[in-house]
Amino acid sequence: MAFGRSSRTGGMHAVSPVEPLTLKLLVAGGFGVGKTTLVSAVSEIRPLRTEERLSEPGREVDDVEGVESKSTTTVAMDFGRITLREDLVLYLFGTPGQDRFWFLWDELAQGALGAVVLADTRRLEDCFAAVDYFERREIPFLVAVNCFDGADRHPVASVREALDLNPEVPVRLCDARDRESVKDVLVGVVEHAMSLARARRLPART
């Protein structure tokens, strides 16, 4: 419904609705960890995907151990959007997982508030590079452990120790297929990034 108010000239003009705050988040991690699934689970629009079928030559380049059933791979990015509140919209950019597509990361990272590093405990070493990338660029991130069916469950403290994370980096368990689980992760990233931003603005105590 459109509302208006009288002007001094006796006419009416529309009152523009408040523009929502839009934030950009990255979803990163190793090959086959569930980035496309995560973006698709929460996107309120039809997600943009740039997937191609894995070829036999490509299987020689990409490490598919543990994800042998995977038949496609993201070659550019995934894109989705979710409205968390009336005044807050998140744009999600899923990064490609293979090393040969890393040249795209710097472009995707521009203007990002923060990132989700999606991890698979069966191939935990695959997310080391993403953790290092965001640490070096001082981009706030949260590690989300994707709890695959049949995979061993590990305590958050064990994951944190294995990844050698700084104490302030949040670690959460999630199911990349479940909308509410993914929303909790995204809220966690936003809260973490906002908290760091506030801390950086505070004057140092003497």
N, C-alpha and C. Protein backbone atom coordinates (compact mmCIF):
# COMPACT_ATOMS: atom_id res chain seq x y z
N MET A 1 0.85 -1.18 0.00
CA MET A 1 0.00 0.00 0.00
C MET A 1 0.89 1.24 0.00
N ALA A 2 0.60 2.20 -0.85
CA ALA A 2 1.38 3.43 -0.94
C ALA A 2 0.76 4.49 -0.05
N PHE A 3 1.57 5.20 0.69
CA PHE A 3 1.10 6.28 1.55
C PHE A 3 1.63 7.60 1.03
N GLY A 4 0.97 8.68 1.39
CA GLY A 4 1.42 10.00 0.97
C GLY A 4 1.05 11.03 2.02
N ARG A 5 1.54 12.23 1.85
CA ARG A 5 1.17 13.30 2.76
C ARG A 5 0.99 14.58 1.97
N SER A 6 0.24 15.50 2.50
CA SER A 6 -0.04 16.74 1.79
C SER A 6 1.19 17.62 1.76
N SER A 7 1.41 18.24 0.61
CA SER A 7 2.50 19.21 0.50
C SER A 7 1.94 20.60 0.73
N ARG A 8 2.82 21.58 0.85
CA ARG A 8 2.36 22.95 1.10
C ARG A 8 1.59 23.50 -0.08
N THR A 9 1.76 22.89 -1.25
CA THR A 9 1.03 23.37 -2.42
C THR A 9 -0.32 22.70 -2.56
N GLY A 10 -0.65 21.85 -1.61
CA GLY A 10 -1.96 21.22 -1.62
C GLY A 10 -1.99 19.90 -2.37
N GLY A 11 -0.87 19.52 -3.00
CA GLY A 11 -0.85 18.26 -3.70
C GLY A 11 -0.45 17.11 -2.79
N MET A 12 -0.30 15.96 -3.37
CA MET A 12 0.12 14.77 -2.62
C MET A 12 1.39 14.24 -3.25
N HIS A 13 2.31 13.75 -2.43
CA HIS A 13 3.47 13.06 -2.99
C HIS A 13 3.72 11.79 -2.18
N ALA A 14 4.21 10.80 -2.86
CA ALA A 14 4.40 9.50 -2.23
C ALA A 14 5.55 9.55 -1.23
N VAL A 15 5.38 8.82 -0.15
CA VAL A 15 6.45 8.67 0.84
C VAL A 15 7.21 7.39 0.49
N SER A 16 8.47 7.53 0.15
CA SER A 16 9.25 6.37 -0.26
C SER A 16 9.49 5.44 0.92
N PRO A 17 9.37 4.14 0.73
CA PRO A 17 9.67 3.20 1.80
C PRO A 17 11.16 3.25 2.13
N VAL A 18 11.48 2.84 3.35
CA VAL A 18 12.87 2.83 3.78
C VAL A 18 13.63 1.78 2.97
N GLU A 19 14.74 2.21 2.39
CA GLU A 19 15.56 1.26 1.63
C GLU A 19 16.25 0.31 2.58
N PRO A 20 16.18 -1.01 2.31
CA PRO A 20 16.84 -1.96 3.21
C PRO A 20 18.36 -1.86 3.08
N LEU A 21 19.04 -2.22 4.16
CA LEU A 21 20.49 -2.32 4.13
C LEU A 21 20.86 -3.61 3.41
N THR A 22 21.71 -3.52 2.41
CA THR A 22 22.14 -4.70 1.66
C THR A 22 23.59 -5.02 1.98
N LEU A 23 23.85 -6.27 2.29
CA LEU A 23 25.19 -6.71 2.66
C LEU A 23 25.61 -7.88 1.78
N LYS A 24 26.89 -7.93 1.50
CA LYS A 24 27.45 -8.98 0.65
C LYS A 24 28.24 -9.96 1.50
N LEU A 25 27.91 -11.25 1.36
CA LEU A 25 28.63 -12.31 2.06
C LEU A 25 29.17 -13.32 1.05
N LEU A 26 30.33 -13.86 1.34
CA LEU A 26 30.90 -14.93 0.52
C LEU A 26 30.66 -16.27 1.20
N VAL A 27 30.52 -17.30 0.39
CA VAL A 27 30.44 -18.68 0.88
C VAL A 27 31.59 -19.43 0.22
N ALA A 28 32.57 -19.81 1.02
CA ALA A 28 33.79 -20.40 0.48
C ALA A 28 34.05 -21.77 1.11
N GLY A 29 35.05 -22.44 0.59
CA GLY A 29 35.41 -23.75 1.11
C GLY A 29 35.96 -24.63 0.02
N GLY A 30 36.26 -25.85 0.36
CA GLY A 30 36.87 -26.77 -0.58
C GLY A 30 35.90 -27.32 -1.62
N PHE A 31 36.44 -28.09 -2.52
CA PHE A 31 35.68 -28.72 -3.59
C PHE A 31 34.69 -29.73 -3.02
N GLY A 32 33.41 -29.59 -3.39
CA GLY A 32 32.41 -30.56 -2.98
C GLY A 32 31.93 -30.44 -1.55
N VAL A 33 32.18 -29.29 -0.91
CA VAL A 33 31.83 -29.16 0.50
C VAL A 33 30.38 -28.76 0.73
N GLY A 34 29.69 -28.28 -0.32
CA GLY A 34 28.27 -27.96 -0.18
C GLY A 34 27.92 -26.50 -0.34
N LYS A 35 28.80 -25.73 -0.98
CA LYS A 35 28.55 -24.29 -1.12
C LYS A 35 27.31 -24.00 -1.97
N THR A 36 27.19 -24.67 -3.11
CA THR A 36 26.02 -24.47 -3.98
C THR A 36 24.74 -24.88 -3.25
N THR A 37 24.81 -25.97 -2.50
CA THR A 37 23.66 -26.44 -1.74
C THR A 37 23.24 -25.41 -0.70
N LEU A 38 24.21 -24.81 0.00
CA LEU A 38 23.91 -23.83 1.03
C LEU A 38 23.22 -22.60 0.44
N VAL A 39 23.76 -22.07 -0.65
CA VAL A 39 23.16 -20.89 -1.28
C VAL A 39 21.74 -21.21 -1.75
N SER A 40 21.56 -22.38 -2.35
CA SER A 40 20.24 -22.77 -2.86
C SER A 40 19.23 -22.97 -1.75
N ALA A 41 19.70 -23.40 -0.57
CA ALA A 41 18.79 -23.71 0.53
C ALA A 41 18.08 -22.47 1.06
N VAL A 42 18.73 -21.31 0.99
CA VAL A 42 18.15 -20.11 1.61
C VAL A 42 17.72 -19.04 0.62
N SER A 43 18.15 -19.13 -0.63
CA SER A 43 17.88 -18.05 -1.58
C SER A 43 16.39 -17.92 -1.85
N GLU A 44 15.88 -16.68 -1.76
CA GLU A 44 14.47 -16.43 -2.03
C GLU A 44 14.23 -16.17 -3.52
N ILE A 45 15.29 -16.09 -4.28
CA ILE A 45 15.19 -16.02 -5.73
C ILE A 45 15.79 -17.29 -6.31
N ARG A 46 15.51 -17.54 -7.56
CA ARG A 46 16.13 -18.69 -8.19
C ARG A 46 17.63 -18.44 -8.25
N PRO A 47 18.43 -19.26 -7.56
CA PRO A 47 19.87 -18.96 -7.50
C PRO A 47 20.54 -19.09 -8.85
N LEU A 48 21.50 -18.19 -9.07
CA LEU A 48 22.33 -18.26 -10.26
C LEU A 48 23.43 -19.27 -10.01
N ARG A 49 23.57 -20.23 -10.91
CA ARG A 49 24.62 -21.22 -10.76
C ARG A 49 25.46 -21.24 -12.03
N THR A 50 26.75 -21.52 -11.86
CA THR A 50 27.64 -21.66 -13.01
C THR A 50 28.32 -23.02 -12.91
N GLU A 51 27.50 -24.05 -12.91
CA GLU A 51 28.02 -25.41 -12.78
C GLU A 51 28.24 -26.05 -14.14
N GLU A 52 29.28 -26.83 -14.21
CA GLU A 52 29.58 -27.64 -15.39
C GLU A 52 29.83 -29.07 -14.95
N ARG A 53 29.56 -29.99 -15.84
CA ARG A 53 29.78 -31.39 -15.52
C ARG A 53 31.28 -31.66 -15.45
N LEU A 54 31.65 -32.49 -14.48
CA LEU A 54 33.05 -32.90 -14.37
C LEU A 54 33.41 -33.82 -15.53
N SER A 55 34.51 -33.50 -16.16
CA SER A 55 35.00 -34.35 -17.25
C SER A 55 36.04 -35.31 -16.70
N GLU A 56 36.34 -36.33 -17.43
CA GLU A 56 37.37 -37.28 -17.00
C GLU A 56 38.73 -36.61 -16.85
N PRO A 57 39.15 -35.73 -17.81
CA PRO A 57 40.42 -35.02 -17.60
C PRO A 57 40.40 -34.16 -16.34
N GLY A 58 39.23 -33.55 -16.05
CA GLY A 58 39.11 -32.71 -14.87
C GLY A 58 39.25 -33.50 -13.58
N ARG A 59 38.82 -34.75 -13.59
CA ARG A 59 38.94 -35.58 -12.40
C ARG A 59 40.40 -35.86 -12.06
N GLU A 60 41.27 -35.77 -13.05
CA GLU A 60 42.68 -35.96 -12.79
C GLU A 60 43.28 -34.73 -12.11
N VAL A 61 42.64 -33.56 -12.31
CA VAL A 61 43.11 -32.32 -11.70
C VAL A 61 42.49 -32.10 -10.34
N ASP A 62 41.19 -32.34 -10.22
CA ASP A 62 40.46 -32.10 -8.97
C ASP A 62 40.50 -33.34 -8.09
N ASP A 63 40.73 -33.13 -6.81
CA ASP A 63 40.74 -34.23 -5.84
C ASP A 63 39.30 -34.56 -5.46
N VAL A 64 38.81 -35.69 -5.92
CA VAL A 64 37.42 -36.08 -5.65
C VAL A 64 37.33 -37.16 -4.59
N GLU A 65 38.44 -37.42 -3.91
CA GLU A 65 38.40 -38.42 -2.86
C GLU A 65 37.43 -37.99 -1.76
N GLY A 66 36.50 -38.86 -1.45
CA GLY A 66 35.47 -38.56 -0.46
C GLY A 66 34.21 -37.98 -1.05
N VAL A 67 34.27 -37.49 -2.30
CA VAL A 67 33.09 -36.96 -2.98
C VAL A 67 33.02 -37.55 -4.39
N GLU A 68 33.28 -38.85 -4.47
CA GLU A 68 33.35 -39.51 -5.77
C GLU A 68 32.05 -39.42 -6.56
N SER A 69 30.91 -39.24 -5.84
CA SER A 69 29.62 -39.17 -6.54
C SER A 69 29.34 -37.81 -7.13
N LYS A 70 30.17 -36.82 -6.85
CA LYS A 70 29.95 -35.46 -7.37
C LYS A 70 30.15 -35.46 -8.87
N SER A 71 29.16 -34.93 -9.61
CA SER A 71 29.22 -34.95 -11.08
C SER A 71 29.35 -33.57 -11.70
N THR A 72 29.15 -32.50 -10.88
CA THR A 72 29.25 -31.14 -11.41
C THR A 72 30.14 -30.31 -10.49
N THR A 73 30.58 -29.16 -11.00
CA THR A 73 31.41 -28.27 -10.21
C THR A 73 31.14 -26.82 -10.60
N THR A 74 31.26 -25.91 -9.63
CA THR A 74 31.08 -24.48 -9.89
C THR A 74 32.34 -23.93 -10.53
N VAL A 75 32.18 -23.24 -11.66
CA VAL A 75 33.34 -22.73 -12.39
C VAL A 75 33.46 -21.20 -12.31
N ALA A 76 32.50 -20.53 -11.76
CA ALA A 76 32.60 -19.07 -11.59
C ALA A 76 32.07 -18.69 -10.22
N MET A 77 30.76 -18.78 -10.01
CA MET A 77 30.19 -18.45 -8.71
C MET A 77 28.77 -18.95 -8.64
N ASP A 78 28.25 -18.99 -7.42
CA ASP A 78 26.82 -19.14 -7.16
C ASP A 78 26.34 -17.80 -6.61
N PHE A 79 25.09 -17.47 -6.87
CA PHE A 79 24.56 -16.21 -6.37
C PHE A 79 23.14 -16.41 -5.89
N GLY A 80 22.85 -15.87 -4.70
CA GLY A 80 21.50 -15.93 -4.16
C GLY A 80 21.23 -14.72 -3.28
N ARG A 81 19.98 -14.59 -2.85
CA ARG A 81 19.58 -13.45 -2.02
C ARG A 81 18.61 -13.92 -0.96
N ILE A 82 18.76 -13.36 0.24
CA ILE A 82 17.83 -13.67 1.31
C ILE A 82 17.54 -12.41 2.11
N THR A 83 16.27 -12.17 2.42
CA THR A 83 15.86 -11.06 3.27
C THR A 83 15.75 -11.57 4.70
N LEU A 84 16.68 -11.14 5.56
CA LEU A 84 16.64 -11.57 6.96
C LEU A 84 15.60 -10.81 7.75
N ARG A 85 15.51 -9.51 7.46
CA ARG A 85 14.49 -8.64 8.06
C ARG A 85 14.02 -7.69 6.98
N GLU A 86 12.97 -6.95 7.28
CA GLU A 86 12.45 -5.99 6.30
C GLU A 86 13.51 -4.97 5.90
N ASP A 87 14.44 -4.70 6.84
CA ASP A 87 15.46 -3.69 6.58
C ASP A 87 16.85 -4.27 6.34
N LEU A 88 16.95 -5.60 6.11
CA LEU A 88 18.27 -6.23 5.95
C LEU A 88 18.20 -7.34 4.90
N VAL A 89 18.95 -7.16 3.83
CA VAL A 89 19.01 -8.13 2.74
C VAL A 89 20.45 -8.58 2.56
N LEU A 90 20.64 -9.88 2.41
CA LEU A 90 21.97 -10.43 2.18
C LEU A 90 22.09 -10.93 0.75
N TYR A 91 23.18 -10.57 0.10
CA TYR A 91 23.52 -11.14 -1.20
C TYR A 91 24.64 -12.15 -0.98
N LEU A 92 24.42 -13.36 -1.44
CA LEU A 92 25.36 -14.46 -1.20
C LEU A 92 26.10 -14.81 -2.48
N PHE A 93 27.41 -14.87 -2.37
CA PHE A 93 28.26 -15.24 -3.51
C PHE A 93 29.06 -16.48 -3.13
N GLY A 94 28.77 -17.59 -3.78
CA GLY A 94 29.51 -18.82 -3.55
C GLY A 94 30.73 -18.89 -4.45
N THR A 95 31.88 -19.13 -3.87
CA THR A 95 33.13 -19.15 -4.63
C THR A 95 33.38 -20.55 -5.20
N PRO A 96 34.12 -20.64 -6.30
CA PRO A 96 34.53 -21.95 -6.80
C PRO A 96 35.54 -22.57 -5.85
N GLY A 97 35.52 -23.89 -5.75
CA GLY A 97 36.37 -24.56 -4.77
C GLY A 97 37.73 -24.99 -5.27
N GLN A 98 37.90 -25.14 -6.60
CA GLN A 98 39.16 -25.66 -7.11
C GLN A 98 40.23 -24.58 -7.19
N ASP A 99 41.47 -25.01 -7.00
CA ASP A 99 42.60 -24.07 -7.01
C ASP A 99 42.68 -23.30 -8.33
N ARG A 100 42.35 -23.94 -9.45
CA ARG A 100 42.55 -23.29 -10.75
C ARG A 100 41.58 -22.15 -11.00
N PHE A 101 40.56 -21.99 -10.15
CA PHE A 101 39.61 -20.89 -10.29
C PHE A 101 39.82 -19.81 -9.23
N TRP A 102 40.93 -19.86 -8.51
CA TRP A 102 41.14 -18.92 -7.42
C TRP A 102 41.34 -17.49 -7.90
N PHE A 103 41.67 -17.30 -9.15
CA PHE A 103 41.83 -15.93 -9.65
C PHE A 103 40.53 -15.14 -9.54
N LEU A 104 39.39 -15.82 -9.40
CA LEU A 104 38.10 -15.14 -9.28
C LEU A 104 37.83 -14.62 -7.88
N TRP A 105 38.55 -15.14 -6.89
CA TRP A 105 38.24 -14.81 -5.51
C TRP A 105 38.39 -13.33 -5.20
N ASP A 106 39.44 -12.71 -5.69
CA ASP A 106 39.66 -11.29 -5.38
C ASP A 106 38.53 -10.43 -5.90
N GLU A 107 37.99 -10.76 -7.07
CA GLU A 107 36.86 -10.02 -7.61
C GLU A 107 35.62 -10.22 -6.74
N LEU A 108 35.36 -11.46 -6.36
CA LEU A 108 34.17 -11.76 -5.57
C LEU A 108 34.27 -11.15 -4.17
N ALA A 109 35.48 -11.02 -3.64
CA ALA A 109 35.66 -10.55 -2.26
C ALA A 109 35.49 -9.05 -2.11
N GLN A 110 35.53 -8.31 -3.21
CA GLN A 110 35.43 -6.86 -3.13
C GLN A 110 34.09 -6.44 -2.53
N GLY A 111 34.14 -5.65 -1.47
CA GLY A 111 32.94 -5.14 -0.84
C GLY A 111 32.22 -6.11 0.07
N ALA A 112 32.82 -7.25 0.36
CA ALA A 112 32.16 -8.25 1.20
C ALA A 112 32.26 -7.86 2.68
N LEU A 113 31.14 -7.97 3.39
CA LEU A 113 31.14 -7.73 4.83
C LEU A 113 31.84 -8.86 5.56
N GLY A 114 31.65 -10.08 5.09
CA GLY A 114 32.21 -11.25 5.76
C GLY A 114 32.04 -12.49 4.91
N ALA A 115 32.38 -13.63 5.50
CA ALA A 115 32.36 -14.88 4.74
C ALA A 115 32.02 -16.06 5.62
N VAL A 116 31.46 -17.07 4.99
CA VAL A 116 31.28 -18.39 5.59
C VAL A 116 32.32 -19.30 4.97
N VAL A 117 33.13 -19.95 5.82
CA VAL A 117 34.02 -21.00 5.33
C VAL A 117 33.36 -22.33 5.68
N LEU A 118 32.87 -23.00 4.65
CA LEU A 118 32.17 -24.26 4.85
C LEU A 118 33.20 -25.38 4.92
N ALA A 119 33.09 -26.24 5.91
CA ALA A 119 34.08 -27.29 6.14
C ALA A 119 33.42 -28.66 6.18
N ASP A 120 34.17 -29.65 5.71
CA ASP A 120 33.78 -31.06 5.77
C ASP A 120 34.85 -31.76 6.59
N THR A 121 34.48 -32.34 7.74
CA THR A 121 35.49 -32.93 8.62
C THR A 121 36.19 -34.13 7.99
N ARG A 122 35.61 -34.70 6.93
CA ARG A 122 36.28 -35.81 6.24
C ARG A 122 37.42 -35.31 5.37
N ARG A 123 37.39 -34.01 5.04
CA ARG A 123 38.42 -33.38 4.19
C ARG A 123 38.72 -31.99 4.74
N LEU A 124 39.02 -31.94 6.03
CA LEU A 124 39.16 -30.65 6.70
C LEU A 124 40.27 -29.80 6.10
N GLU A 125 41.31 -30.46 5.60
CA GLU A 125 42.44 -29.70 5.04
C GLU A 125 42.03 -28.89 3.81
N ASP A 126 40.90 -29.23 3.20
CA ASP A 126 40.46 -28.51 2.00
C ASP A 126 40.04 -27.07 2.28
N CYS A 127 39.74 -26.74 3.53
CA CYS A 127 39.32 -25.37 3.84
C CYS A 127 40.46 -24.54 4.41
N PHE A 128 41.66 -25.12 4.55
CA PHE A 128 42.80 -24.34 5.06
C PHE A 128 43.05 -23.10 4.21
N ALA A 129 43.01 -23.28 2.89
CA ALA A 129 43.32 -22.17 1.99
C ALA A 129 42.32 -21.03 2.14
N ALA A 130 41.03 -21.36 2.32
CA ALA A 130 40.01 -20.32 2.49
C ALA A 130 40.21 -19.58 3.81
N VAL A 131 40.50 -20.32 4.87
CA VAL A 131 40.77 -19.69 6.17
C VAL A 131 41.94 -18.72 6.05
N ASP A 132 43.02 -19.18 5.40
CA ASP A 132 44.21 -18.33 5.23
C ASP A 132 43.89 -17.10 4.39
N TYR A 133 43.08 -17.27 3.35
CA TYR A 133 42.72 -16.16 2.46
C TYR A 133 42.04 -15.04 3.24
N PHE A 134 41.04 -15.39 4.04
CA PHE A 134 40.28 -14.36 4.76
C PHE A 134 41.09 -13.78 5.92
N GLU A 135 41.93 -14.59 6.56
CA GLU A 135 42.78 -14.05 7.62
C GLU A 135 43.74 -13.01 7.07
N ARG A 136 44.36 -13.32 5.93
CA ARG A 136 45.35 -12.40 5.36
C ARG A 136 44.71 -11.07 4.94
N ARG A 137 43.47 -11.13 4.48
CA ARG A 137 42.79 -9.92 4.01
C ARG A 137 41.94 -9.28 5.09
N GLU A 138 41.97 -9.83 6.29
CA GLU A 138 41.23 -9.30 7.43
C GLU A 138 39.74 -9.17 7.13
N ILE A 139 39.21 -10.17 6.44
CA ILE A 139 37.77 -10.25 6.18
C ILE A 139 37.16 -11.14 7.26
N PRO A 140 36.21 -10.64 8.05
CA PRO A 140 35.60 -11.48 9.10
C PRO A 140 34.97 -12.74 8.51
N PHE A 141 35.17 -13.86 9.18
CA PHE A 141 34.58 -15.11 8.69
C PHE A 141 34.16 -16.01 9.84
N LEU A 142 33.27 -16.91 9.51
CA LEU A 142 32.78 -17.92 10.43
C LEU A 142 33.00 -19.28 9.77
N VAL A 143 33.43 -20.26 10.54
CA VAL A 143 33.58 -21.62 10.01
C VAL A 143 32.31 -22.40 10.31
N ALA A 144 31.68 -22.92 9.28
CA ALA A 144 30.46 -23.72 9.42
C ALA A 144 30.78 -25.15 9.00
N VAL A 145 30.68 -26.08 9.93
CA VAL A 145 30.97 -27.49 9.64
C VAL A 145 29.70 -28.12 9.09
N ASN A 146 29.76 -28.52 7.82
CA ASN A 146 28.61 -29.14 7.16
C ASN A 146 28.54 -30.60 7.61
N CYS A 147 27.48 -30.94 8.33
CA CYS A 147 27.35 -32.28 8.91
C CYS A 147 26.74 -33.24 7.88
N PHE A 148 27.60 -33.85 7.09
CA PHE A 148 27.15 -34.79 6.07
C PHE A 148 26.62 -36.06 6.71
N ASP A 149 25.64 -36.67 6.04
CA ASP A 149 25.12 -37.95 6.51
C ASP A 149 26.24 -38.98 6.53
N GLY A 150 26.36 -39.69 7.64
CA GLY A 150 27.35 -40.75 7.74
C GLY A 150 28.74 -40.28 8.16
N ALA A 151 28.96 -38.97 8.19
CA ALA A 151 30.27 -38.45 8.60
C ALA A 151 30.36 -38.41 10.12
N ASP A 152 31.55 -38.63 10.64
CA ASP A 152 31.76 -38.55 12.08
C ASP A 152 31.51 -37.13 12.58
N ARG A 153 30.91 -37.03 13.75
CA ARG A 153 30.70 -35.72 14.36
C ARG A 153 31.85 -35.42 15.30
N HIS A 154 32.40 -34.22 15.19
CA HIS A 154 33.51 -33.82 16.03
C HIS A 154 33.12 -32.59 16.83
N PRO A 155 33.58 -32.47 18.08
CA PRO A 155 33.27 -31.28 18.88
C PRO A 155 33.82 -30.03 18.22
N VAL A 156 33.11 -28.92 18.43
CA VAL A 156 33.54 -27.64 17.86
C VAL A 156 34.97 -27.31 18.29
N ALA A 157 35.29 -27.60 19.55
CA ALA A 157 36.64 -27.31 20.05
C ALA A 157 37.70 -28.07 19.27
N SER A 158 37.40 -29.29 18.86
CA SER A 158 38.36 -30.09 18.09
C SER A 158 38.56 -29.51 16.70
N VAL A 159 37.47 -29.05 16.08
CA VAL A 159 37.57 -28.42 14.76
C VAL A 159 38.39 -27.14 14.85
N ARG A 160 38.13 -26.34 15.88
CA ARG A 160 38.85 -25.09 16.06
C ARG A 160 40.35 -25.36 16.21
N GLU A 161 40.69 -26.37 16.99
CA GLU A 161 42.10 -26.70 17.21
C GLU A 161 42.75 -27.20 15.92
N ALA A 162 42.04 -28.05 15.18
CA ALA A 162 42.59 -28.60 13.95
C ALA A 162 42.85 -27.52 12.91
N LEU A 163 42.01 -26.47 12.88
CA LEU A 163 42.18 -25.39 11.92
C LEU A 163 43.06 -24.27 12.45
N ASP A 164 43.46 -24.38 13.73
CA ASP A 164 44.32 -23.36 14.35
C ASP A 164 43.71 -21.96 14.20
N LEU A 165 42.44 -21.85 14.58
CA LEU A 165 41.71 -20.59 14.42
C LEU A 165 41.98 -19.64 15.56
N ASN A 166 41.91 -18.36 15.26
CA ASN A 166 41.97 -17.36 16.30
C ASN A 166 40.75 -17.50 17.22
N PRO A 167 40.88 -17.17 18.50
CA PRO A 167 39.79 -17.40 19.45
C PRO A 167 38.48 -16.73 19.08
N GLU A 168 38.55 -15.56 18.40
CA GLU A 168 37.31 -14.82 18.12
C GLU A 168 36.54 -15.36 16.92
N VAL A 169 37.12 -16.29 16.16
CA VAL A 169 36.44 -16.81 14.97
C VAL A 169 35.36 -17.81 15.39
N PRO A 170 34.09 -17.55 15.06
CA PRO A 170 33.02 -18.48 15.44
C PRO A 170 33.09 -19.78 14.64
N VAL A 171 32.72 -20.88 15.28
CA VAL A 171 32.61 -22.18 14.61
C VAL A 171 31.24 -22.74 14.95
N ARG A 172 30.52 -23.16 13.92
CA ARG A 172 29.18 -23.71 14.13
C ARG A 172 28.99 -24.97 13.31
N LEU A 173 28.16 -25.88 13.82
CA LEU A 173 27.73 -27.04 13.06
C LEU A 173 26.49 -26.66 12.27
N CYS A 174 26.35 -27.19 11.06
CA CYS A 174 25.18 -26.84 10.26
C CYS A 174 24.85 -27.96 9.29
N ASP A 175 23.68 -27.85 8.71
CA ASP A 175 23.25 -28.72 7.62
C ASP A 175 22.98 -27.80 6.43
N ALA A 176 23.85 -27.85 5.42
CA ALA A 176 23.74 -26.93 4.28
C ALA A 176 22.46 -27.11 3.49
N ARG A 177 21.72 -28.19 3.74
CA ARG A 177 20.46 -28.43 3.03
C ARG A 177 19.27 -27.80 3.74
N ASP A 178 19.47 -27.42 4.99
CA ASP A 178 18.36 -26.95 5.83
C ASP A 178 18.33 -25.43 5.91
N ARG A 179 17.23 -24.84 5.51
CA ARG A 179 17.12 -23.38 5.43
C ARG A 179 17.37 -22.71 6.78
N GLU A 180 16.74 -23.21 7.85
CA GLU A 180 16.88 -22.57 9.16
C GLU A 180 18.30 -22.71 9.68
N SER A 181 18.91 -23.84 9.45
CA SER A 181 20.29 -24.05 9.87
C SER A 181 21.22 -23.06 9.17
N VAL A 182 21.02 -22.88 7.87
CA VAL A 182 21.85 -21.95 7.11
C VAL A 182 21.59 -20.51 7.55
N LYS A 183 20.34 -20.16 7.80
CA LYS A 183 20.02 -18.80 8.27
C LYS A 183 20.76 -18.50 9.57
N ASP A 184 20.82 -19.45 10.48
CA ASP A 184 21.55 -19.25 11.73
C ASP A 184 23.02 -18.95 11.46
N VAL A 185 23.59 -19.64 10.49
CA VAL A 185 24.99 -19.41 10.13
C VAL A 185 25.17 -17.99 9.59
N LEU A 186 24.29 -17.58 8.69
CA LEU A 186 24.40 -16.25 8.09
C LEU A 186 24.23 -15.14 9.11
N VAL A 187 23.28 -15.32 10.02
CA VAL A 187 23.11 -14.35 11.10
C VAL A 187 24.38 -14.28 11.94
N GLY A 188 24.99 -15.44 12.17
CA GLY A 188 26.22 -15.48 12.94
C GLY A 188 27.36 -14.71 12.28
N VAL A 189 27.46 -14.82 10.96
CA VAL A 189 28.50 -14.08 10.23
C VAL A 189 28.27 -12.57 10.35
N VAL A 190 27.03 -12.14 10.15
CA VAL A 190 26.72 -10.71 10.23
C VAL A 190 27.02 -10.18 11.62
N GLU A 191 26.59 -10.90 12.65
CA GLU A 191 26.83 -10.45 14.02
C GLU A 191 28.32 -10.38 14.32
N HIS A 192 29.07 -11.39 13.86
CA HIS A 192 30.51 -11.41 14.08
C HIS A 192 31.19 -10.23 13.39
N ALA A 193 30.82 -9.97 12.14
CA ALA A 193 31.43 -8.87 11.39
C ALA A 193 31.09 -7.52 12.02
N MET A 194 29.84 -7.35 12.44
CA MET A 194 29.44 -6.10 13.07
C MET A 194 30.17 -5.89 14.39
N SER A 195 30.34 -6.98 15.15
CA SER A 195 31.04 -6.89 16.43
C SER A 195 32.50 -6.47 16.23
N LEU A 196 33.17 -7.04 15.23
CA LEU A 196 34.54 -6.66 14.94
C LEU A 196 34.63 -5.20 14.49
N ALA A 197 33.66 -4.78 13.68
CA ALA A 197 33.66 -3.39 13.20
C ALA A 197 33.51 -2.42 14.36
N ARG A 198 32.64 -2.74 15.31
CA ARG A 198 32.47 -1.87 16.49
C ARG A 198 33.74 -1.82 17.31
N ALA A 199 34.38 -3.00 17.48
CA ALA A 199 35.60 -3.06 18.28
C ALA A 199 36.72 -2.23 17.66
N ARG A 200 36.79 -2.23 16.33
CA ARG A 200 37.85 -1.48 15.65
C ARG A 200 37.63 0.02 15.74
N ARG A 201 36.36 0.43 15.93
CA ARG A 201 36.07 1.86 16.03
C ARG A 201 36.32 2.41 17.43
N LEU A 202 36.35 1.52 18.44
CA LEU A 202 36.52 1.97 19.82
C LEU A 202 37.96 2.45 20.03
N PRO A 203 38.13 3.56 20.76
CA PRO A 203 39.49 4.03 21.05
C PRO A 203 40.21 3.07 21.98
N ALA A 204 41.49 2.94 21.80
CA ALA A 204 42.28 2.05 22.64
C ALA A 204 42.32 2.60 24.08
N ARG A 205 42.20 1.70 25.06
CA ARG A 205 42.25 2.12 26.45
C ARG A 205 43.69 2.28 26.90
N THR A 206 43.91 3.31 27.69
CA THR A 206 45.26 3.57 28.21
C THR A 206 45.34 3.28 29.69
